Amino acid sequence: MFASGSTISYLRRMKNYIQTKFAENPAKTSSTITVTLVLILVIIKSVALYISGSAAVLSALIDSLSDIGLSLMTLISVQWAMKPADEDHRHGHGKVEGIAALIQAMMLAGGGMFLVLESFGRFVHPVEISDHIFTMILMAVSVGLSVLISKVQTAGAKQSDSLAVEADSLHYSADVLINGSVLLVVLADYTGLLGPWLDPLSAIGVAFIMMRTAYKIVLSAFGMLLDQELPDATRHQIIAKIKSHPSVLGLHDLRTSKSGTKILMSFDIELSPDLSLYKAHDISRQIEESLLLDFPNSEIMIHIDPAGDIQDSRHRDL
C-alpha cells in the first residue's frame, strides 16, 4: 500500500513538472519527451524484428530509427531558433527551423526508398514471420506509445507554433497508422488469412506514407524559407485590427511571413498630415500594442505616410 501511494505521488509530481516545463517552453519540452519515447520504441521494435524477421516490423523499425535523428534535429533546431538576434542575424535565427524541416523530409524520403528496395527483395525471397504472439504484444505497445507521442507533438506544435515541431508532429501522426498496420500484418500472417506477399506489401505502404509526409514537410519548409505570406484569414485579421484604429485613414504595403515561431509583419499606415510627429508615433505605438495582443510573438515594423501619399519604392498592393 505504501509503495502504491509513493508511486502515485511520484507520478503526480512528474506530471506537474512536465506541465510546468511545457508551459515555459512547449517546443523544447515536447521534443525532449518525444526523443525519450522514440528510444523506447526503437528498443521494442528491434526485439520484435529479431524474433519475427518480418519486413513490416523492419519498416516500422526504420521509421523509428529515422525518428530519433529527426527528433534530435528538431530539439537542436528549436534551441538554435530561440537564440536572440545578433549583429549578423538581425531578424534572429528562426529560419533554421525551415532548414531542419527540409533535412527531416530528405531523411524520411531516403528511408522510404530503402524500404521499397528491401520489400521487392522480400517478394522474391519471402521471409517467414515467427513468434507472432510476442511480436503482436510488442507492436501493440508500439501503437500505444505512438499515440502518446502524437498527442505530445500535436500539443507542442499548437502551443509553440514551431515549424520544426509541426514537421515532427506530421510524421508522428503517420506513425500511429504505420505501427497499427504492422500489427495487423502480423495478426493476418498468424491466422493465415492472407499470403506471405502481405508482409512486403505492407512495408511498401509504409514507404509511401513516409514519402507523402516528406512532401508535406517540404512544402511547409519552403514556405518559411521563401517568406511565404501568412494565410489569408490571418492577414484579414491583421488588416481589420489596423483599420479599427480611428486615426488610420489608409493602409498599404502589408507584408507578413514567419521565422521560426516569430511572425514578421510590416506595413504603411496613412495618417492626417496635420498631426505632430509625436502624435503620429503615439498612434503607431497603439496599433503595435493592439496587434501584439493577438500576435504576441511578433516583430512589427510600421511606416507612417501622410494620407494619400503612397508613392515609395516599397509599395505593393494589400
Protein backbone atom coordinates (compact mmCIF):
# COMPACT_ATOMS: atom_id res chain seq x y z
CA MET A 1 0.00 0.00 0.00
CA PHE A 2 2.87 2.33 0.92
CA ALA A 3 4.66 1.57 -2.34
CA SER A 4 1.49 2.21 -4.30
CA GLY A 5 0.95 5.56 -2.58
CA SER A 6 4.57 6.57 -3.20
CA THR A 7 4.27 5.64 -6.87
CA ILE A 8 1.10 7.71 -7.28
CA SER A 9 2.73 10.64 -5.50
CA TYR A 10 5.80 10.38 -7.75
CA LEU A 11 3.67 10.25 -10.90
CA ARG A 12 1.76 13.34 -9.78
CA ARG A 13 4.98 15.26 -9.16
CA MET A 14 6.30 14.16 -12.54
CA LYS A 15 3.06 15.27 -14.23
CA ASN A 16 3.22 18.68 -12.54
CA TYR A 17 6.88 19.06 -13.52
CA ILE A 18 6.16 18.24 -17.17
CA GLN A 19 3.19 20.63 -17.24
CA THR A 20 5.36 23.41 -15.83
CA LYS A 21 8.11 22.81 -18.38
CA PHE A 22 5.52 22.58 -21.16
CA ALA A 23 4.13 25.98 -20.20
CA GLU A 24 7.64 27.51 -20.14
CA ASN A 25 8.81 26.09 -23.48
CA PRO A 26 6.35 23.78 -25.28
CA ALA A 27 8.58 23.21 -28.34
CA LYS A 28 11.65 22.13 -26.36
CA THR A 29 9.67 20.07 -23.84
CA SER A 30 7.63 18.19 -26.44
CA SER A 31 10.81 17.41 -28.42
CA THR A 32 12.63 16.14 -25.31
CA ILE A 33 9.74 13.87 -24.33
CA THR A 34 9.50 12.60 -27.90
CA VAL A 35 13.18 11.66 -28.12
CA THR A 36 12.85 9.64 -24.89
CA LEU A 37 9.75 7.78 -26.05
CA VAL A 38 11.19 7.06 -29.50
CA LEU A 39 14.28 5.48 -27.93
CA ILE A 40 11.95 3.11 -26.10
CA LEU A 41 10.14 2.39 -29.38
CA VAL A 42 13.42 1.54 -31.12
CA ILE A 43 14.30 -0.99 -28.41
CA ILE A 44 10.85 -2.59 -28.62
CA LYS A 45 10.88 -2.82 -32.42
CA SER A 46 14.46 -4.13 -32.50
CA VAL A 47 13.40 -7.02 -30.26
CA ALA A 48 10.29 -7.57 -32.40
CA LEU A 49 12.37 -7.68 -35.59
CA TYR A 50 14.90 -10.06 -34.05
CA ILE A 51 12.27 -12.59 -33.04
CA SER A 52 9.96 -12.24 -36.08
CA GLY A 53 12.12 -11.38 -39.12
CA SER A 54 9.14 -9.50 -40.58
CA ALA A 55 9.63 -6.91 -43.33
CA ALA A 56 6.69 -4.97 -41.91
CA VAL A 57 8.38 -4.82 -38.50
CA LEU A 58 11.61 -3.82 -40.24
CA SER A 59 9.75 -0.93 -41.89
CA ALA A 60 8.44 0.22 -38.50
CA LEU A 61 11.95 -0.02 -37.00
CA ILE A 62 13.50 2.01 -39.84
CA ASP A 63 10.79 4.60 -39.36
CA SER A 64 11.60 4.87 -35.64
CA LEU A 65 15.36 4.97 -36.27
CA SER A 66 14.82 7.91 -38.61
CA ASP A 67 12.54 9.41 -35.95
CA ILE A 68 15.42 9.56 -33.47
CA GLY A 69 17.55 11.58 -35.87
CA LEU A 70 14.61 13.77 -36.80
CA SER A 71 13.59 14.45 -33.21
CA LEU A 72 17.14 15.21 -32.11
CA MET A 73 17.42 17.58 -35.04
CA THR A 74 14.13 19.19 -34.06
CA LEU A 75 15.33 19.64 -30.48
CA ILE A 76 18.60 21.24 -31.65
CA SER A 77 16.90 23.45 -34.24
CA VAL A 78 14.29 24.67 -31.74
CA GLN A 79 17.03 25.69 -29.30
CA TRP A 80 19.02 27.32 -32.10
CA ALA A 81 15.97 29.16 -33.41
CA MET A 82 15.36 30.62 -29.95
CA LYS A 83 18.73 32.38 -29.95
CA PRO A 84 18.22 36.15 -29.88
CA ALA A 85 19.09 38.36 -32.84
CA ASP A 86 22.74 39.38 -33.15
CA GLU A 87 24.82 41.65 -35.40
CA ASP A 88 24.92 39.10 -38.22
CA HIS A 89 21.30 37.90 -37.91
CA ARG A 90 19.14 40.95 -37.21
CA HIS A 91 15.89 39.00 -37.60
CA GLY A 92 17.04 36.20 -35.30
CA HIS A 93 17.72 32.56 -36.15
CA GLY A 94 14.17 31.26 -36.61
CA LYS A 95 14.58 30.10 -40.20
CA VAL A 96 16.92 27.35 -39.10
CA GLU A 97 13.66 25.50 -38.41
CA GLY A 98 12.91 25.56 -42.13
CA ILE A 99 16.33 24.09 -42.89
CA ALA A 100 15.83 21.40 -40.24
CA ALA A 101 12.43 20.55 -41.72
CA LEU A 102 13.99 20.09 -45.19
CA ILE A 103 16.59 17.71 -43.76
CA GLN A 104 13.81 15.82 -41.99
CA ALA A 105 11.98 15.44 -45.28
CA MET A 106 15.09 14.11 -47.05
CA MET A 107 15.70 11.55 -44.28
CA LEU A 108 12.10 10.36 -44.45
CA ALA A 109 12.19 10.08 -48.24
CA GLY A 110 15.52 8.19 -48.08
CA GLY A 111 14.13 5.74 -45.54
CA GLY A 112 11.08 5.22 -47.74
CA MET A 113 13.18 4.42 -50.80
CA PHE A 114 15.28 1.92 -48.81
CA LEU A 115 12.08 0.18 -47.70
CA VAL A 116 10.83 -0.11 -51.28
CA LEU A 117 14.08 -1.78 -52.39
CA GLU A 118 14.08 -4.12 -49.37
CA SER A 119 10.44 -5.04 -49.95
CA PHE A 120 10.99 -6.00 -53.59
CA GLY A 121 13.63 -8.46 -52.40
CA ARG A 122 11.13 -9.94 -49.91
CA PHE A 123 8.66 -10.58 -52.75
CA VAL A 124 11.27 -12.72 -54.50
CA HIS A 125 12.61 -14.37 -51.33
CA PRO A 126 9.85 -14.32 -48.67
CA VAL A 127 10.89 -14.46 -45.00
CA GLU A 128 8.63 -16.42 -42.67
CA ILE A 129 7.36 -14.49 -39.63
CA SER A 130 7.91 -16.26 -36.30
CA ASP A 131 6.83 -15.75 -32.65
CA HIS A 132 3.65 -13.99 -33.71
CA ILE A 133 2.11 -13.56 -30.25
CA PHE A 134 5.12 -11.87 -28.66
CA THR A 135 5.61 -9.72 -31.76
CA MET A 136 1.96 -8.61 -31.66
CA ILE A 137 2.29 -7.67 -27.98
CA LEU A 138 5.36 -5.57 -28.73
CA MET A 139 3.69 -3.86 -31.70
CA ALA A 140 0.55 -3.17 -29.63
CA VAL A 141 2.77 -1.39 -27.10
CA SER A 142 4.35 0.50 -30.02
CA VAL A 143 0.92 1.66 -31.19
CA GLY A 144 0.15 2.96 -27.68
CA LEU A 145 3.46 4.83 -27.47
CA SER A 146 2.93 6.25 -30.96
CA VAL A 147 -0.46 7.63 -29.92
CA LEU A 148 1.16 9.23 -26.86
CA ILE A 149 3.98 10.76 -28.94
CA SER A 150 1.49 12.07 -31.49
CA LYS A 151 -0.55 13.80 -28.76
CA VAL A 152 2.59 15.33 -27.20
CA GLN A 153 3.83 16.63 -30.56
CA THR A 154 0.42 17.94 -31.61
CA ALA A 155 0.15 19.88 -28.35
CA GLY A 156 3.74 21.14 -28.71
CA ALA A 157 3.15 22.31 -32.29
CA LYS A 158 -0.11 24.04 -31.37
CA GLN A 159 1.27 25.88 -28.34
CA SER A 160 4.67 26.81 -29.78
CA ASP A 161 3.69 27.44 -33.44
CA SER A 162 7.07 25.93 -34.36
CA LEU A 163 7.59 24.61 -37.91
CA ALA A 164 10.17 22.06 -36.72
CA VAL A 165 7.76 20.66 -34.13
CA GLU A 166 4.91 20.78 -36.65
CA ALA A 167 7.01 18.75 -39.10
CA ASP A 168 7.74 16.25 -36.32
CA SER A 169 4.04 16.13 -35.49
CA LEU A 170 3.14 15.29 -39.10
CA HIS A 171 5.24 12.16 -39.33
CA TYR A 172 4.44 11.02 -35.78
CA SER A 173 0.74 11.17 -36.63
CA ALA A 174 1.54 8.85 -39.53
CA ASP A 175 3.42 6.53 -37.13
CA VAL A 176 0.16 5.52 -35.46
CA LEU A 177 -1.07 4.20 -38.83
CA ILE A 178 2.30 2.61 -39.60
CA ASN A 179 2.57 0.67 -36.34
CA GLY A 180 -1.10 -0.28 -36.45
CA SER A 181 -0.73 -1.67 -39.97
CA VAL A 182 2.30 -3.73 -38.92
CA LEU A 183 0.28 -5.19 -36.04
CA LEU A 184 -2.47 -6.19 -38.47
CA VAL A 185 0.06 -7.76 -40.86
CA VAL A 186 1.48 -9.99 -38.11
CA LEU A 187 -2.06 -10.89 -37.00
CA ALA A 188 -3.08 -11.77 -40.57
CA ASP A 189 0.01 -13.95 -41.01
CA TYR A 190 -0.67 -15.69 -37.68
CA THR A 191 -4.25 -16.52 -38.66
CA GLY A 192 -3.25 -17.50 -42.19
CA LEU A 193 -5.85 -15.21 -43.75
CA LEU A 194 -3.51 -13.85 -46.41
CA GLY A 195 -0.33 -14.97 -48.12
CA PRO A 196 3.31 -14.05 -47.46
CA TRP A 197 3.05 -11.22 -50.01
CA LEU A 198 1.19 -9.08 -47.43
CA ASP A 199 4.34 -8.53 -45.34
CA PRO A 200 6.48 -6.80 -48.04
CA LEU A 201 3.39 -5.11 -49.47
CA SER A 202 2.74 -3.51 -46.09
CA ALA A 203 6.36 -2.28 -46.00
CA ILE A 204 5.82 -0.60 -49.39
CA GLY A 205 2.70 1.04 -47.98
CA VAL A 206 4.75 2.39 -45.06
CA ALA A 207 7.31 3.72 -47.52
CA PHE A 208 4.54 5.56 -49.38
CA ILE A 209 3.31 7.13 -46.12
CA MET A 210 6.85 8.26 -45.25
CA MET A 211 7.42 9.87 -48.66
CA ARG A 212 3.98 11.53 -48.65
CA THR A 213 4.74 13.01 -45.23
CA ALA A 214 8.13 14.18 -46.51
CA TYR A 215 6.38 16.01 -49.36
CA LYS A 216 4.10 17.88 -46.92
CA ILE A 217 7.09 18.87 -44.78
CA VAL A 218 8.96 20.18 -47.85
CA LEU A 219 6.04 22.46 -48.74
CA SER A 220 5.98 23.94 -45.22
CA ALA A 221 9.76 24.35 -45.12
CA PHE A 222 9.91 26.15 -48.47
CA GLY A 223 7.05 28.37 -47.35
CA MET A 224 9.11 29.64 -44.42
CA LEU A 225 12.44 29.86 -46.22
CA LEU A 226 10.93 31.78 -49.16
CA ASP A 227 8.98 34.17 -46.89
CA GLN A 228 5.57 32.92 -47.94
CA GLU A 229 2.73 35.18 -46.79
CA LEU A 230 0.65 34.10 -43.82
CA PRO A 231 -2.78 32.56 -44.58
CA ASP A 232 -5.45 34.95 -45.87
CA ALA A 233 -7.50 34.57 -42.68
CA THR A 234 -4.54 35.78 -40.60
CA ARG A 235 -3.85 38.68 -42.97
CA HIS A 236 -7.50 39.75 -42.86
CA GLN A 237 -7.35 39.67 -39.06
CA ILE A 238 -4.26 41.91 -39.10
CA ILE A 239 -5.83 44.33 -41.59
CA ALA A 240 -9.06 44.58 -39.57
CA LYS A 241 -7.12 45.26 -36.39
CA ILE A 242 -5.08 48.06 -38.00
CA LYS A 243 -8.05 49.70 -39.70
CA SER A 244 -10.07 49.61 -36.48
CA HIS A 245 -7.96 52.49 -35.11
CA PRO A 246 -9.95 55.69 -35.73
CA SER A 247 -6.89 57.71 -36.79
CA VAL A 248 -5.88 55.32 -39.60
CA LEU A 249 -7.04 56.82 -42.92
CA GLY A 250 -5.40 54.22 -45.14
CA LEU A 251 -3.22 51.11 -45.14
CA HIS A 252 -0.88 49.69 -47.77
CA ASP A 253 2.18 47.50 -48.32
CA LEU A 254 1.31 44.84 -45.73
CA ARG A 255 3.92 42.10 -45.73
CA THR A 256 3.84 39.06 -43.44
CA SER A 257 5.97 35.96 -43.00
CA LYS A 258 7.26 33.57 -40.36
CA SER A 259 10.73 32.99 -38.99
CA GLY A 260 10.67 30.03 -36.63
CA THR A 261 7.91 30.75 -34.11
CA LYS A 262 8.07 34.50 -34.74
CA ILE A 263 5.67 36.37 -37.03
CA LEU A 264 7.20 39.19 -39.06
CA MET A 265 4.91 41.94 -40.32
CA SER A 266 5.48 45.36 -41.84
CA PHE A 267 3.04 47.88 -43.30
CA ASP A 268 2.41 51.57 -44.02
CA ILE A 269 -0.40 53.49 -42.36
CA GLU A 270 -1.77 56.78 -43.67
CA LEU A 271 -2.46 59.47 -41.09
CA SER A 272 -3.60 63.08 -41.22
CA PRO A 273 -0.69 65.27 -42.45
CA ASP A 274 -1.58 67.82 -39.74
CA LEU A 275 -0.53 65.52 -36.89
CA SER A 276 2.67 66.20 -34.99
CA LEU A 277 5.46 63.65 -35.20
CA TYR A 278 4.92 62.81 -31.53
CA LYS A 279 1.19 62.15 -32.04
CA ALA A 280 1.77 60.06 -35.19
CA HIS A 281 4.35 57.99 -33.32
CA ASP A 282 1.91 57.51 -30.44
CA ILE A 283 -0.76 56.20 -32.84
CA SER A 284 1.67 53.70 -34.37
CA ARG A 285 2.61 52.54 -30.86
CA GLN A 286 -1.08 51.98 -30.03
CA ILE A 287 -1.53 49.90 -33.19
CA GLU A 288 1.57 47.88 -32.41
CA GLU A 289 0.40 47.12 -28.87
CA SER A 290 -3.04 46.17 -30.18
CA LEU A 291 -1.54 43.70 -32.69
CA LEU A 292 0.70 42.18 -30.03
CA LEU A 293 -2.38 41.22 -28.03
CA ASP A 294 -3.43 38.88 -30.86
CA PHE A 295 0.07 38.02 -32.10
CA PRO A 296 2.34 38.20 -29.02
CA ASN A 297 5.40 36.63 -30.66
CA SER A 298 5.71 39.17 -33.47
CA GLU A 299 8.17 41.68 -34.84
CA ILE A 300 6.24 44.67 -36.20
CA MET A 301 7.55 47.46 -38.44
CA ILE A 302 5.24 50.42 -39.12
CA HIS A 303 5.91 53.20 -41.63
CA ILE A 304 3.85 56.38 -41.43
CA ASP A 305 2.68 58.26 -44.55
CA PRO A 306 0.55 61.40 -44.85
CA ALA A 307 -2.92 60.45 -46.13
CA GLY A 308 -2.96 59.97 -49.91
CA ASP A 309 0.81 59.74 -50.31
CA ILE A 310 1.61 56.09 -51.03
CA GLN A 311 4.41 56.55 -53.55
CA ASP A 312 7.55 54.84 -52.29
CA SER A 313 9.93 52.16 -53.52
CA ARG A 314 8.44 49.50 -51.22
CA HIS A 315 4.81 49.96 -52.28
CA ARG A 316 2.80 46.84 -53.04
CA ASP A 317 -0.92 46.17 -53.09
CA LEU A 318 -2.50 44.71 -49.95
